[in-house]
PDB file of N, CA and C in Angstrom:
ATOM      1  N   UNK A   1      63.268 212.171 103.185  1.00  0.00           N
ATOM      2  CA  UNK A   1      62.975 211.429 101.984  1.00  0.00           C
ATOM      3  C   UNK A   1      61.784 211.926 101.772  1.00  0.00           C
ATOM      4  N   UNK A   2      61.098 211.765 100.190  1.00  0.00           N
ATOM      5  CA  UNK A   2      59.676 212.363  99.827  1.00  0.00           C
ATOM      6  C   UNK A   2      59.352 211.256 100.073  1.00  0.00           C
ATOM      7  N   UNK A   3      57.711 211.201 100.558  1.00  0.00           N
ATOM      8  CA  UNK A   3      57.378 210.328 100.394  1.00  0.00           C
ATOM      9  C   UNK A   3      56.497 210.042  98.938  1.00  0.00           C
ATOM     10  N   UNK A   4      56.375 208.191  99.322  1.00  0.00           N
ATOM     11  CA  UNK A   4      55.977 208.298  97.045  1.00  0.00           C
ATOM     12  C   UNK A   4      54.252 208.723  97.355  1.00  0.00           C
ATOM     13  N   UNK A   5      54.066 209.054  96.129  1.00  0.00           N
ATOM     14  CA  UNK A   5      52.615 208.881  95.935  1.00  0.00           C
ATOM     15  C   UNK A   5      52.185 207.668  95.779  1.00  0.00           C
ATOM     16  N   UNK A   6      50.603 207.791  96.658  1.00  0.00           N
ATOM     17  CA  UNK A   6      50.152 206.486  96.402  1.00  0.00           C
ATOM     18  C   UNK A   6      49.349 205.708  95.400  1.00  0.00           C
ATOM     19  N   UNK A   7      48.902 206.966  94.029  1.00  0.00           N
ATOM     20  CA  UNK A   7      48.531 206.535  93.377  1.00  0.00           C
ATOM     21  C   UNK A   7      46.630 207.035  93.291  1.00  0.00           C
ATOM     22  N   UNK A   8      46.359 207.529  94.277  1.00  0.00           N
ATOM     23  CA  UNK A   8      45.235 208.321  94.474  1.00  0.00           C
ATOM     24  C   UNK A   8      44.763 209.039  94.797  1.00  0.00           C
ATOM     25  N   UNK A   9      44.088 209.805  94.018  1.00  0.00           N
ATOM     26  CA  UNK A   9      43.248 211.492  94.113  1.00  0.00           C
ATOM     27  C   UNK A   9      43.441 211.295  95.858  1.00  0.00           C
ATOM     28  N   UNK A  10      44.186 212.686  95.951  1.00  0.00           N
ATOM     29  CA  UNK A  10      43.769 213.088  97.600  1.00  0.00           C
ATOM     30  C   UNK A  10      42.470 213.599  97.746  1.00  0.00           C
ATOM     31  N   UNK A  11      41.879 213.194  99.034  1.00  0.00           N
ATOM     32  CA  UNK A  11      40.594 213.296  99.671  1.00  0.00           C
ATOM     33  C   UNK A  11      40.255 214.752  99.795  1.00  0.00           C
ATOM     34  N   UNK A  12      39.134 215.312 100.482  1.00  0.00           N
ATOM     35  CA  UNK A  12      38.929 216.396  99.897  1.00  0.00           C
ATOM     36  C   UNK A  12      39.127 216.948 101.178  1.00  0.00           C
ATOM     37  N   UNK A  13      39.075 216.170 101.844  1.00  0.00           N
ATOM     38  CA  UNK A  13      39.851 216.822 103.613  1.00  0.00           C
ATOM     39  C   UNK A  13      41.367 217.270 103.723  1.00  0.00           C
ATOM     40  N   UNK A  14      42.118 216.547 102.456  1.00  0.00           N
ATOM     41  CA  UNK A  14      43.324 216.851 102.627  1.00  0.00           C
ATOM     42  C   UNK A  14      43.618 217.625 101.668  1.00  0.00           C
ATOM     43  N   UNK A  15      42.882 218.371 100.881  1.00  0.00           N
ATOM     44  CA  UNK A  15      43.071 219.665  99.579  1.00  0.00           C
ATOM     45  C   UNK A  15      43.053 220.770 100.361  1.00  0.00           C
ATOM     46  N   UNK A  16      42.084 220.782 101.778  1.00  0.00           N
ATOM     47  CA  UNK A  16      41.689 222.062 102.121  1.00  0.00           C
ATOM     48  C   UNK A  16      40.750 223.009 101.474  1.00  0.00           C
ATOM     49  N   UNK A  17      41.477 224.022 100.667  1.00  0.00           N
ATOM     50  CA  UNK A  17      40.884 225.077  99.786  1.00  0.00           C
ATOM     51  C   UNK A  17      40.063 225.043  98.496  1.00  0.00           C
ATOM     52  N   UNK A  18      39.570 223.591  98.371  1.00  0.00           N
ATOM     53  CA  UNK A  18      39.097 223.596  96.582  1.00  0.00           C
ATOM     54  C   UNK A  18      38.583 224.486  95.697  1.00  0.00           C
ATOM     55  N   UNK A  19      38.852 224.629  94.839  1.00  0.00           N
ATOM     56  CA  UNK A  19      37.870 225.367  94.452  1.00  0.00           C
ATOM     57  C   UNK A  19      36.500 225.250  93.574  1.00  0.00           C
ATOM     58  N   UNK A  20      36.597 223.526  93.336  1.00  0.00           N
ATOM     59  CA  UNK A  20      35.417 222.730  92.816  1.00  0.00           C
ATOM     60  C   UNK A  20      36.552 221.226  92.767  1.00  0.00           C
ATOM     61  N   UNK A  21      35.456 220.452  91.647  1.00  0.00           N
ATOM     62  CA  UNK A  21      35.881 219.322  91.674  1.00  0.00           C
ATOM     63  C   UNK A  21      35.336 218.999  90.238  1.00  0.00           C
ATOM     64  N   UNK A  22      35.916 217.840  90.095  1.00  0.00           N
ATOM     65  CA  UNK A  22      35.140 216.543  88.406  1.00  0.00           C
ATOM     66  C   UNK A  22      34.024 216.251  88.880  1.00  0.00           C
ATOM     67  N   UNK A  23      32.749 216.626  87.645  1.00  0.00           N
ATOM     68  CA  UNK A  23      31.469 216.035  87.851  1.00  0.00           C
ATOM     69  C   UNK A  23      31.409 215.636  86.514  1.00  0.00           C
ATOM     70  N   UNK A  24      30.018 214.674  86.499  1.00  0.00           N
ATOM     71  CA  UNK A  24      29.095 213.981  85.191  1.00  0.00           C
ATOM     72  C   UNK A  24      28.212 214.952  85.379  1.00  0.00           C
ATOM     73  N   UNK A  25      27.745 215.151  83.986  1.00  0.00           N
ATOM     74  CA  UNK A  25      26.442 215.541  84.060  1.00  0.00           C
ATOM     75  C   UNK A  25      25.647 214.312  83.406  1.00  0.00           C
ATOM     76  N   UNK A  26      24.196 214.632  83.003  1.00  0.00           N
ATOM     77  CA  UNK A  26      23.507 213.742  82.638  1.00  0.00           C
ATOM     78  C   UNK A  26      23.888 212.915  81.159  1.00  0.00           C
ATOM     79  N   UNK A  27      24.532 213.160  80.237  1.00  0.00           N
ATOM     80  CA  UNK A  27      24.718 212.441  79.377  1.00  0.00           C
ATOM     81  C   UNK A  27      26.592 211.871  79.631  1.00  0.00           C
ATOM     82  N   UNK A  28      27.002 211.865  80.408  1.00  0.00           N
ATOM     83  CA  UNK A  28      28.078 211.322  80.811  1.00  0.00           C
ATOM     84  C   UNK A  28      29.527 212.083  80.526  1.00  0.00           C
ATOM     85  N   UNK A  29      29.141 213.164  80.141  1.00  0.00           N
ATOM     86  CA  UNK A  29      30.034 214.439  79.891  1.00  0.00           C
ATOM     87  C   UNK A  29      30.644 214.599  81.281  1.00  0.00           C
ATOM     88  N   UNK A  30      32.443 215.136  81.179  1.00  0.00           N
ATOM     89  CA  UNK A  30      32.954 215.472  82.333  1.00  0.00           C
ATOM     90  C   UNK A  30      32.991 216.893  82.212  1.00  0.00           C
ATOM     91  N   UNK A  31      32.495 217.457  83.542  1.00  0.00           N
ATOM     92  CA  UNK A  31      32.242 218.668  83.739  1.00  0.00           C
ATOM     93  C   UNK A  31      33.082 219.284  85.369  1.00  0.00           C
ATOM     94  N   UNK A  32      33.606 220.511  85.140  1.00  0.00           N
ATOM     95  CA  UNK A  32      33.841 221.177  86.748  1.00  0.00           C
ATOM     96  C   UNK A  32      32.772 221.877  87.493  1.00  0.00           C
ATOM     97  N   UNK A  33      32.794 221.263  88.094  1.00  0.00           N
ATOM     98  CA  UNK A  33      31.649 221.610  89.079  1.00  0.00           C
ATOM     99  C   UNK A  33      32.601 222.687  90.551  1.00  0.00           C
ATOM    100  N   UNK A  34      32.213 224.243  90.283  1.00  0.00           N
ATOM    101  CA  UNK A  34      32.617 225.385  91.406  1.00  0.00           C
ATOM    102  C   UNK A  34      32.393 224.794  92.582  1.00  0.00           C
ATOM    103  N   UNK A  35      32.691 224.945  93.664  1.00  0.00           N
ATOM    104  CA  UNK A  35      32.797 225.048  95.200  1.00  0.00           C
ATOM    105  C   UNK A  35      31.438 226.122  95.118  1.00  0.00           C
ATOM    106  N   UNK A  36      30.718 226.102  96.266  1.00  0.00           N
ATOM    107  CA  UNK A  36      29.938 227.239  97.184  1.00  0.00           C
ATOM    108  C   UNK A  36      30.719 228.457  97.415  1.00  0.00           C
ATOM    109  N   UNK A  37      31.254 228.947  96.699  1.00  0.00           N
ATOM    110  CA  UNK A  37      31.748 230.406  97.158  1.00  0.00           C
ATOM    111  C   UNK A  37      31.543 231.559  96.076  1.00  0.00           C
ATOM    112  N   UNK A  38      30.758 232.302  96.599  1.00  0.00           N
ATOM    113  CA  UNK A  38      29.744 233.643  96.101  1.00  0.00           C
ATOM    114  C   UNK A  38      31.126 233.807  94.922  1.00  0.00           C
ATOM    115  N   UNK A  39      31.884 234.497  95.057  1.00  0.00           N
ATOM    116  CA  UNK A  39      33.326 234.801  93.986  1.00  0.00           C
ATOM    117  C   UNK A  39      33.431 233.976  93.188  1.00  0.00           C
ATOM    118  N   UNK A  40      33.263 232.897  93.340  1.00  0.00           N
ATOM    119  CA  UNK A  40      33.583 231.784  92.283  1.00  0.00           C
ATOM    120  C   UNK A  40      32.022 231.692  91.411  1.00  0.00           C
ATOM    121  N   UNK A  41      31.247 231.666  91.887  1.00  0.00           N
ATOM    122  CA  UNK A  41      30.013 231.504  91.138  1.00  0.00           C
ATOM    123  C   UNK A  41      29.458 232.718  90.421  1.00  0.00           C
ATOM    124  N   UNK A  42      29.933 233.883  90.706  1.00  0.00           N
ATOM    125  CA  UNK A  42      29.773 235.112  90.135  1.00  0.00           C
ATOM    126  C   UNK A  42      30.021 235.019  88.466  1.00  0.00           C
ATOM    127  N   UNK A  43      29.511 235.826  88.026  1.00  0.00           N
ATOM    128  CA  UNK A  43      28.882 235.618  86.142  1.00  0.00           C
ATOM    129  C   UNK A  43      29.214 236.912  85.828  1.00  0.00           C
ATOM    130  N   UNK A  44      30.208 237.849  86.555  1.00  0.00           N
ATOM    131  CA  UNK A  44      30.464 239.197  86.317  1.00  0.00           C
ATOM    132  C   UNK A  44      32.169 238.824  85.755  1.00  0.00           C
ATOM    133  N   UNK A  45      32.719 240.157  85.197  1.00  0.00           N
ATOM    134  CA  UNK A  45      34.636 239.902  84.886  1.00  0.00           C
ATOM    135  C   UNK A  45      35.098 239.525  86.785  1.00  0.00           C
ATOM    136  N   UNK A  46      34.568 240.318  87.784  1.00  0.00           N
ATOM    137  CA  UNK A  46      35.360 239.591  88.812  1.00  0.00           C
ATOM    138  C   UNK A  46      35.239 238.093  89.082  1.00  0.00           C
ATOM    139  N   UNK A  47      34.415 237.620  88.279  1.00  0.00           N
ATOM    140  CA  UNK A  47      34.030 236.193  88.716  1.00  0.00           C
ATOM    141  C   UNK A  47      34.914 235.381  87.983  1.00  0.00           C
ATOM    142  N   UNK A  48      35.025 235.646  86.824  1.00  0.00           N
ATOM    143  CA  UNK A  48      35.785 234.975  85.758  1.00  0.00           C
ATOM    144  C   UNK A  48      37.265 235.202  86.531  1.00  0.00           C
ATOM    145  N   UNK A  49      37.881 236.270  86.956  1.00  0.00           N
ATOM    146  CA  UNK A  49      38.886 236.484  87.427  1.00  0.00           C
ATOM    147  C   UNK A  49      39.307 235.766  88.086  1.00  0.00           C
ATOM    148  N   UNK A  50      37.858 235.368  89.535  1.00  0.00           N
ATOM    149  CA  UNK A  50      37.988 234.670  90.697  1.00  0.00           C
ATOM    150  C   UNK A  50      38.565 233.076  90.249  1.00  0.00           C
ATOM    151  N   UNK A  51      37.903 232.495  89.244  1.00  0.00           N
ATOM    152  CA  UNK A  51      37.768 231.368  88.981  1.00  0.00           C
ATOM    153  C   UNK A  51      38.852 231.464  88.293  1.00  0.00           C
ATOM    154  N   UNK A  52      39.997 231.785  87.512  1.00  0.00           N
ATOM    155  CA  UNK A  52      41.109 232.048  87.094  1.00  0.00           C
ATOM    156  C   UNK A  52      42.205 232.057  88.007  1.00  0.00           C
ATOM    157  N   UNK A  53      42.290 232.913  88.539  1.00  0.00           N
ATOM    158  CA  UNK A  53      42.933 232.803  89.913  1.00  0.00           C
ATOM    159  C   UNK A  53      42.889 231.325  91.061  1.00  0.00           C
ATOM    160  N   UNK A  54      41.449 230.971  90.833  1.00  0.00           N
ATOM    161  CA  UNK A  54      41.524 229.424  91.653  1.00  0.00           C
ATOM    162  C   UNK A  54      41.923 228.513  91.188  1.00  0.00           C
ATOM    163  N   UNK A  55      41.838 228.411  89.561  1.00  0.00           N
ATOM    164  CA  UNK A  55      43.172 227.308  89.274  1.00  0.00           C
ATOM    165  C   UNK A  55      44.287 227.420  88.607  1.00  0.00           C
ATOM    166  N   UNK A  56      45.249 228.440  88.841  1.00  0.00           N
ATOM    167  CA  UNK A  56      46.213 228.873  88.897  1.00  0.00           C
ATOM    168  C   UNK A  56      46.669 228.190  89.443  1.00  0.00           C
ATOM    169  N   UNK A  57      47.988 227.581  89.692  1.00  0.00           N
ATOM    170  CA  UNK A  57      48.913 226.940  89.981  1.00  0.00           C
ATOM    171  C   UNK A  57      50.182 228.216  90.637  1.00  0.00           C
ATOM    172  N   UNK A  58      50.501 228.514  91.368  1.00  0.00           N
ATOM    173  CA  UNK A  58      51.531 229.184  91.836  1.00  0.00           C
ATOM    174  C   UNK A  58      53.126 228.808  91.556  1.00  0.00           C
ATOM    175  N   UNK A  59      53.014 227.410  91.653  1.00  0.00           N
ATOM    176  CA  UNK A  59      54.539 226.871  91.690  1.00  0.00           C
ATOM    177  C   UNK A  59      54.914 226.710  90.318  1.00  0.00           C
ATOM    178  N   UNK A  60      53.874 227.309  89.321  1.00  0.00           N
ATOM    179  CA  UNK A  60      54.231 227.172  88.043  1.00  0.00           C
ATOM    180  C   UNK A  60      55.099 228.361  87.302  1.00  0.00           C
ATOM    181  N   UNK A  61      55.967 228.365  86.235  1.00  0.00           N
ATOM    182  CA  UNK A  61      56.310 229.863  85.834  1.00  0.00           C
ATOM    183  C   UNK A  61      56.080 229.477  84.328  1.00  0.00           C
ATOM    184  N   UNK A  62      56.215 230.196  83.587  1.00  0.00           N
ATOM    185  CA  UNK A  62      56.504 230.263  81.932  1.00  0.00           C
ATOM    186  C   UNK A  62      57.772 230.614  81.521  1.00  0.00           C
ATOM    187  N   UNK A  63      58.911 230.137  81.322  1.00  0.00           N
ATOM    188  CA  UNK A  63      60.050 230.123  80.821  1.00  0.00           C
ATOM    189  C   UNK A  63      60.356 230.669  79.294  1.00  0.00           C
ATOM    190  N   UNK A  64      60.826 231.060  79.273  1.00  0.00           N
ATOM    191  CA  UNK A  64      61.215 231.826  77.770  1.00  0.00           C
ATOM    192  C   UNK A  64      62.065 230.884  77.015  1.00  0.00           C
ATOM    193  N   UNK A  65      62.256 230.510  75.963  1.00  0.00           N
ATOM    194  CA  UNK A  65      63.675 230.177  75.029  1.00  0.00           C
ATOM    195  C   UNK A  65      64.351 231.625  74.841  1.00  0.00           C
ATOM    196  N   UNK A  66      65.827 231.221  75.394  1.00  0.00           N
ATOM    197  CA  UNK A  66      66.721 232.303  75.152  1.00  0.00           C
ATOM    198  C   UNK A  66      66.974 232.744  73.817  1.00  0.00           C
ATOM    199  N   UNK A  67      66.473 233.884  73.418  1.00  0.00           N
ATOM    200  CA  UNK A  67      66.449 234.584  71.945  1.00  0.00           C
ATOM    201  C   UNK A  67      68.455 234.358  71.288  1.00  0.00           C
ATOM    202  N   UNK A  68      68.451 233.944  70.570  1.00  0.00           N
ATOM    203  CA  UNK A  68      70.094 234.226  70.113  1.00  0.00           C
ATOM    204  C   UNK A  68      69.638 235.046  68.803  1.00  0.00           C
ATOM    205  N   UNK A  69      70.173 236.407  68.419  1.00  0.00           N
ATOM    206  CA  UNK A  69      70.007 237.160  67.341  1.00  0.00           C
ATOM    207  C   UNK A  69      70.768 236.518  66.200  1.00  0.00           C
ATOM    208  N   UNK A  70      71.771 235.870  66.467  1.00  0.00           N
ATOM    209  CA  UNK A  70      72.936 235.497  65.656  1.00  0.00           C
ATOM    210  C   UNK A  70      72.279 233.980  64.654  1.00  0.00           C
ATOM    211  N   UNK A  71      71.936 233.618  65.611  1.00  0.00           N
ATOM    212  CA  UNK A  71      71.170 232.111  64.663  1.00  0.00           C
ATOM    213  C   UNK A  71      69.856 232.043  65.867  1.00  0.00           C
ATOM    214  N   UNK A  72      68.878 232.029  64.718  1.00  0.00           N
ATOM    215  CA  UNK A  72      67.372 232.238  65.265  1.00  0.00           C
ATOM    216  C   UNK A  72      66.681 230.801  64.946  1.00  0.00           C
ATOM    217  N   UNK A  73      67.634 230.011  64.069  1.00  0.00           N
ATOM    218  CA  UNK A  73      66.915 228.521  64.847  1.00  0.00           C
ATOM    219  C   UNK A  73      67.540 227.480  65.170  1.00  0.00           C
ATOM    220  N   UNK A  74      67.165 226.670  65.621  1.00  0.00           N
ATOM    221  CA  UNK A  74      67.819 225.488  66.438  1.00  0.00           C
ATOM    222  C   UNK A  74      68.301 224.962  65.805  1.00  0.00           C
ATOM    223  N   UNK A  75      69.775 224.183  65.839  1.00  0.00           N
ATOM    224  CA  UNK A  75      70.401 223.113  65.190  1.00  0.00           C
ATOM    225  C   UNK A  75      69.101 221.871  65.391  1.00  0.00           C
ATOM    226  N   UNK A  76      68.957 221.350  64.117  1.00  0.00           N
ATOM    227  CA  UNK A  76      68.172 219.867  64.116  1.00  0.00           C
ATOM    228  C   UNK A  76      69.359 218.948  63.431  1.00  0.00           C
ATOM    229  N   UNK A  77      70.144 217.905  63.950  1.00  0.00           N
ATOM    230  CA  UNK A  77      70.701 217.715  63.207  1.00  0.00           C
ATOM    231  C   UNK A  77      70.298 216.247  62.488  1.00  0.00           C
ATOM    232  N   UNK A  78      69.092 215.831  63.186  1.00  0.00           N
ATOM    233  CA  UNK A  78      68.043 214.669  62.695  1.00  0.00           C
ATOM    234  C   UNK A  78      67.025 215.287  61.861  1.00  0.00           C
ATOM    235  N   UNK A  79      67.284 216.244  60.978  1.00  0.00           N
ATOM    236  CA  UNK A  79      66.208 216.825  60.269  1.00  0.00           C
ATOM    237  C   UNK A  79      66.594 215.973  58.971  1.00  0.00           C
ATOM    238  N   UNK A  80      67.736 215.994  58.720  1.00  0.00           N
ATOM    239  CA  UNK A  80      68.119 215.561  56.984  1.00  0.00           C
ATOM    240  C   UNK A  80      67.713 214.169  57.087  1.00  0.00           C
ATOM    241  N   UNK A  81      67.447 212.891  57.990  1.00  0.00           N
ATOM    242  CA  UNK A  81      66.838 211.079  58.279  1.00  0.00           C
ATOM    243  C   UNK A  81      65.588 211.366  58.341  1.00  0.00           C
ATOM    244  N   UNK A  82      64.896 212.277  58.901  1.00  0.00           N
ATOM    245  CA  UNK A  82      63.838 211.239  59.912  1.00  0.00           C
ATOM    246  C   UNK A  82      62.870 212.727  58.748  1.00  0.00           C
ATOM    247  N   UNK A  83      63.360 213.095  57.884  1.00  0.00           N
ATOM    248  CA  UNK A  83      61.870 214.025  57.296  1.00  0.00           C
ATOM    249  C   UNK A  83      61.606 215.169  57.561  1.00  0.00           C
ATOM    250  N   UNK A  84      61.034 216.264  57.191  1.00  0.00           N
ATOM    251  CA  UNK A  84      59.948 217.296  57.557  1.00  0.00           C
ATOM    252  C   UNK A  84      59.317 216.864  58.625  1.00  0.00           C
ATOM    253  N   UNK A  85      59.181 217.649  59.682  1.00  0.00           N
ATOM    254  CA  UNK A  85      58.448 217.973  61.289  1.00  0.00           C
ATOM    255  C   UNK A  85      57.843 219.443  61.694  1.00  0.00           C
ATOM    256  N   UNK A  86      57.214 219.776  61.352  1.00  0.00           N
ATOM    257  CA  UNK A  86      57.268 221.072  61.588  1.00  0.00           C
ATOM    258  C   UNK A  86      57.384 221.184  62.991  1.00  0.00           C
ATOM    259  N   UNK A  87      56.787 220.541  63.577  1.00  0.00           N
ATOM    260  CA  UNK A  87      57.144 220.823  65.363  1.00  0.00           C
ATOM    261  C   UNK A  87      58.378 220.712  65.675  1.00  0.00           C
ATOM    262  N   UNK A  88      59.199 219.711  65.265  1.00  0.00           N
ATOM    263  CA  UNK A  88      60.294 220.210  65.374  1.00  0.00           C
ATOM    264  C   UNK A  88      61.482 220.456  64.356  1.00  0.00           C
ATOM    265  N   UNK A  89      61.186 221.524  63.429  1.00  0.00           N
ATOM    266  CA  UNK A  89      61.882 221.846  62.630  1.00  0.00           C
ATOM    267  C   UNK A  89      63.339 223.497  63.103  1.00  0.00           C
ATOM    268  N   UNK A  90      64.184 223.090  62.430  1.00  0.00           N
ATOM    269  CA  UNK A  90      65.048 223.993  62.535  1.00  0.00           C
ATOM    270  C   UNK A  90      66.087 223.816  61.531  1.00  0.00           C
ATOM    271  N   UNK A  91      67.712 224.340  62.107  1.00  0.00           N
ATOM    272  CA  UNK A  91      68.316 224.516  61.671  1.00  0.00           C
ATOM    273  C   UNK A  91      68.816 223.048  61.022  1.00  0.00           C
ATOM    274  N   UNK A  92      68.933 222.813  59.734  1.00  0.00           N
ATOM    275  CA  UNK A  92      69.503 221.370  59.256  1.00  0.00           C
ATOM    276  C   UNK A  92      70.918 221.106  59.465  1.00  0.00           C
ATOM    277  N   UNK A  93      71.421 220.207  60.051  1.00  0.00           N
ATOM    278  CA  UNK A  93      73.110 219.570  61.122  1.00  0.00           C
ATOM    279  C   UNK A  93      73.747 219.694  59.767  1.00  0.00           C
ATOM    280  N   UNK A  94      73.422 219.470  58.518  1.00  0.00           N
ATOM    281  CA  UNK A  94      74.310 219.153  57.378  1.00  0.00           C
ATOM    282  C   UNK A  94      74.603 220.811  56.846  1.00  0.00           C
ATOM    283  N   UNK A  95      76.677 220.208  57.081  1.00  0.00           N
ATOM    284  CA  UNK A  95      76.981 221.875  56.941  1.00  0.00           C
ATOM    285  C   UNK A  95      77.833 221.949  55.643  1.00  0.00           C
ATOM    286  N   UNK A  96      77.909 221.062  54.545  1.00  0.00           N
ATOM    287  CA  UNK A  96      78.780 221.528  53.271  1.00  0.00           C
ATOM    288  C   UNK A  96      77.580 220.149  53.073  1.00  0.00           C
ATOM    289  N   UNK A  97      77.328 220.861  51.470  1.00  0.00           N
ATOM    290  CA  UNK A  97      76.961 220.233  50.484  1.00  0.00           C
ATOM    291  C   UNK A  97      77.423 219.353  49.070  1.00  0.00           C
ATOM    292  N   UNK A  98      77.047 218.367  48.683  1.00  0.00           N
ATOM    293  CA  UNK A  98      77.758 217.670  47.632  1.00  0.00           C
ATOM    294  C   UNK A  98      78.268 218.680  46.574  1.00  0.00           C
ATOM    295  N   UNK A  99      79.174 218.941  45.735  1.00  0.00           N
ATOM    296  CA  UNK A  99      79.766 220.130  44.962  1.00  0.00           C
ATOM    297  C   UNK A  99      78.737 219.552  43.660  1.00  0.00           C
ATOM    298  N   UNK A 100      78.231 220.155  42.680  1.00  0.00           N
ATOM    299  CA  UNK A 100      77.547 220.058  41.790  1.00  0.00           C
ATOM    300  C   UNK A 100      78.353 219.694  40.714  1.00  0.00           C
ATOM    301  N   UNK A 101      78.228 218.667  39.910  1.00  0.00           N
ATOM    302  CA  UNK A 101      79.131 218.591  38.838  1.00  0.00           C
ATOM    303  C   UNK A 101      78.659 218.974  37.678  1.00  0.00           C
ATOM    304  N   UNK A 102      79.606 219.671  36.842  1.00  0.00           N
ATOM    305  CA  UNK A 102      79.473 220.614  35.768  1.00  0.00           C
ATOM    306  C   UNK A 102      79.193 218.987  34.493  1.00  0.00           C
ATOM    307  N   UNK A 103      78.029 219.170  33.946  1.00  0.00           N
ATOM    308  CA  UNK A 103      77.906 217.986  32.532  1.00  0.00           C
ATOM    309  C   UNK A 103      78.739 218.138  31.843  1.00  0.00           C
ATOM    310  N   UNK A 104      78.835 219.637  31.475  1.00  0.00           N
ATOM    311  CA  UNK A 104      79.439 219.683  30.224  1.00  0.00           C
ATOM    312  C   UNK A 104      80.882 219.555  29.928  1.00  0.00           C
ATOM    313  N   UNK A 105      81.483 219.464  31.408  1.00  0.00           N
ATOM    314  CA  UNK A 105      82.855 218.810  31.433  1.00  0.00           C
ATOM    315  C   UNK A 105      83.446 217.710  31.527  1.00  0.00           C
ATOM    316  N   UNK A 106      82.433 216.720  31.617  1.00  0.00           N
ATOM    317  CA  UNK A 106      82.032 215.122  32.215  1.00  0.00           C
ATOM    318  C   UNK A 106      81.866 214.744  30.555  1.00  0.00           C
ATOM    319  N   UNK A 107      80.868 215.465  29.934  1.00  0.00           N
ATOM    320  CA  UNK A 107      80.301 214.892  28.948  1.00  0.00           C
ATOM    321  C   UNK A 107      81.928 215.301  28.049  1.00  0.00           C
ATOM    322  N   UNK A 108      82.896 216.100  27.688  1.00  0.00           N
ATOM    323  CA  UNK A 108      83.833 216.352  27.091  1.00  0.00           C
ATOM    324  C   UNK A 108      84.755 214.994  27.029  1.00  0.00           C
ATOM    325  N   UNK A 109      84.797 214.832  28.454  1.00  0.00           N
ATOM    326  CA  UNK A 109      85.440 214.127  29.298  1.00  0.00           C
ATOM    327  C   UNK A 109      85.272 212.635  28.963  1.00  0.00           C
ATOM    328  N   UNK A 110      84.290 212.241  28.332  1.00  0.00           N
ATOM    329  CA  UNK A 110      83.537 210.635  28.392  1.00  0.00           C
ATOM    330  C   UNK A 110      84.206 210.852  26.489  1.00  0.00           C
ATOM    331  N   UNK A 111      83.747 211.755  25.985  1.00  0.00           N
ATOM    332  CA  UNK A 111      84.330 212.142  24.547  1.00  0.00           C
ATOM    333  C   UNK A 111      85.641 211.340  24.358  1.00  0.00           C
ATOM    334  N   UNK A 112      86.671 212.629  25.124  1.00  0.00           N
ATOM    335  CA  UNK A 112      88.218 212.398  25.188  1.00  0.00           C
ATOM    336  C   UNK A 112      88.591 210.994  25.939  1.00  0.00           C
ATOM    337  N   UNK A 113      87.722 210.356  26.379  1.00  0.00           N
ATOM    338  CA  UNK A 113      88.165 208.752  26.840  1.00  0.00           C
ATOM    339  C   UNK A 113      87.244 207.878  25.683  1.00  0.00           C
ATOM    340  N   UNK A 114      86.624 208.372  24.956  1.00  0.00           N
ATOM    341  CA  UNK A 114      86.223 207.325  23.867  1.00  0.00           C
ATOM    342  C   UNK A 114      87.289 207.264  22.498  1.00  0.00           C
ATOM    343  N   UNK A 115      87.665 208.789  22.191  1.00  0.00           N
ATOM    344  CA  UNK A 115      88.776 208.328  21.290  1.00  0.00           C
ATOM    345  C   UNK A 115      89.923 208.119  21.731  1.00  0.00           C
ATOM    346  N   UNK A 116      90.510 208.534  23.035  1.00  0.00           N
ATOM    347  CA  UNK A 116      91.550 207.705  23.382  1.00  0.00           C
ATOM    348  C   UNK A 116      91.171 206.208  23.110  1.00  0.00           C
ATOM    349  N   UNK A 117      90.077 205.900  23.160  1.00  0.00           N
ATOM    350  CA  UNK A 117      89.922 204.193  23.399  1.00  0.00           C
ATOM    351  C   UNK A 117      89.791 203.671  22.135  1.00  0.00           C
ATOM    352  N   UNK A 118      89.480 204.627  21.160  1.00  0.00           N
ATOM    353  CA  UNK A 118      89.534 204.143  19.565  1.00  0.00           C
ATOM    354  C   UNK A 118      90.668 203.960  18.760  1.00  0.00           C
ATOM    355  N   UNK A 119      91.709 205.029  19.306  1.00  0.00           N
ATOM    356  CA  UNK A 119      93.143 205.171  19.117  1.00  0.00           C
ATOM    357  C   UNK A 119      93.757 203.889  19.071  1.00  0.00           C
ATOM    358  N   UNK A 120      93.897 203.666  20.693  1.00  0.00           N
ATOM    359  CA  UNK A 120      94.281 202.406  20.762  1.00  0.00           C
ATOM    360  C   UNK A 120      93.705 200.946  19.726  1.00  0.00           C
ATOM    361  N   UNK A 121      92.691 200.873  20.115  1.00  0.00           N
ATOM    362  CA  UNK A 121      91.982 199.989  19.006  1.00  0.00           C
ATOM    363  C   UNK A 121      92.661 199.958  17.638  1.00  0.00           C
ATOM    364  N   UNK A 122      92.555 201.025  17.172  1.00  0.00           N
ATOM    365  CA  UNK A 122      93.390 201.009  15.825  1.00  0.00           C
ATOM    366  C   UNK A 122      94.780 200.905  15.552  1.00  0.00           C
ATOM    367  N   UNK A 123      95.228 200.650  16.579  1.00  0.00           N
ATOM    368  CA  UNK A 123      96.798 200.494  16.475  1.00  0.00           C
ATOM    369  C   UNK A 123      97.234 199.056  16.651  1.00  0.00           C
TER     370      UNK A 123
END
């Protein structure tokens, strides 16, 4: 069974090969203080590469989302209810839209009903 984390940061003796630590400058800003290793303090390209290599965690991996050429946008069924969100955009979940009403046909139907109602009133 795995041990529970205690909530305390590991002590320098536990971490072993540290590239550096967090420090505070004279203005109170948090900065990174590199350890006294010559490769990490070098100001050339090799020093930059060593600093990046020291900070990268080898357990982390970059995973790409699977690309579907037939459906490039992911489904977003909540998009119609919650509004537009550029960070969570995608294909909207609504499959069918309401059929548009032909207003000319509606207008003719209303006139026809009025005429029929007028004929009933006359009789």
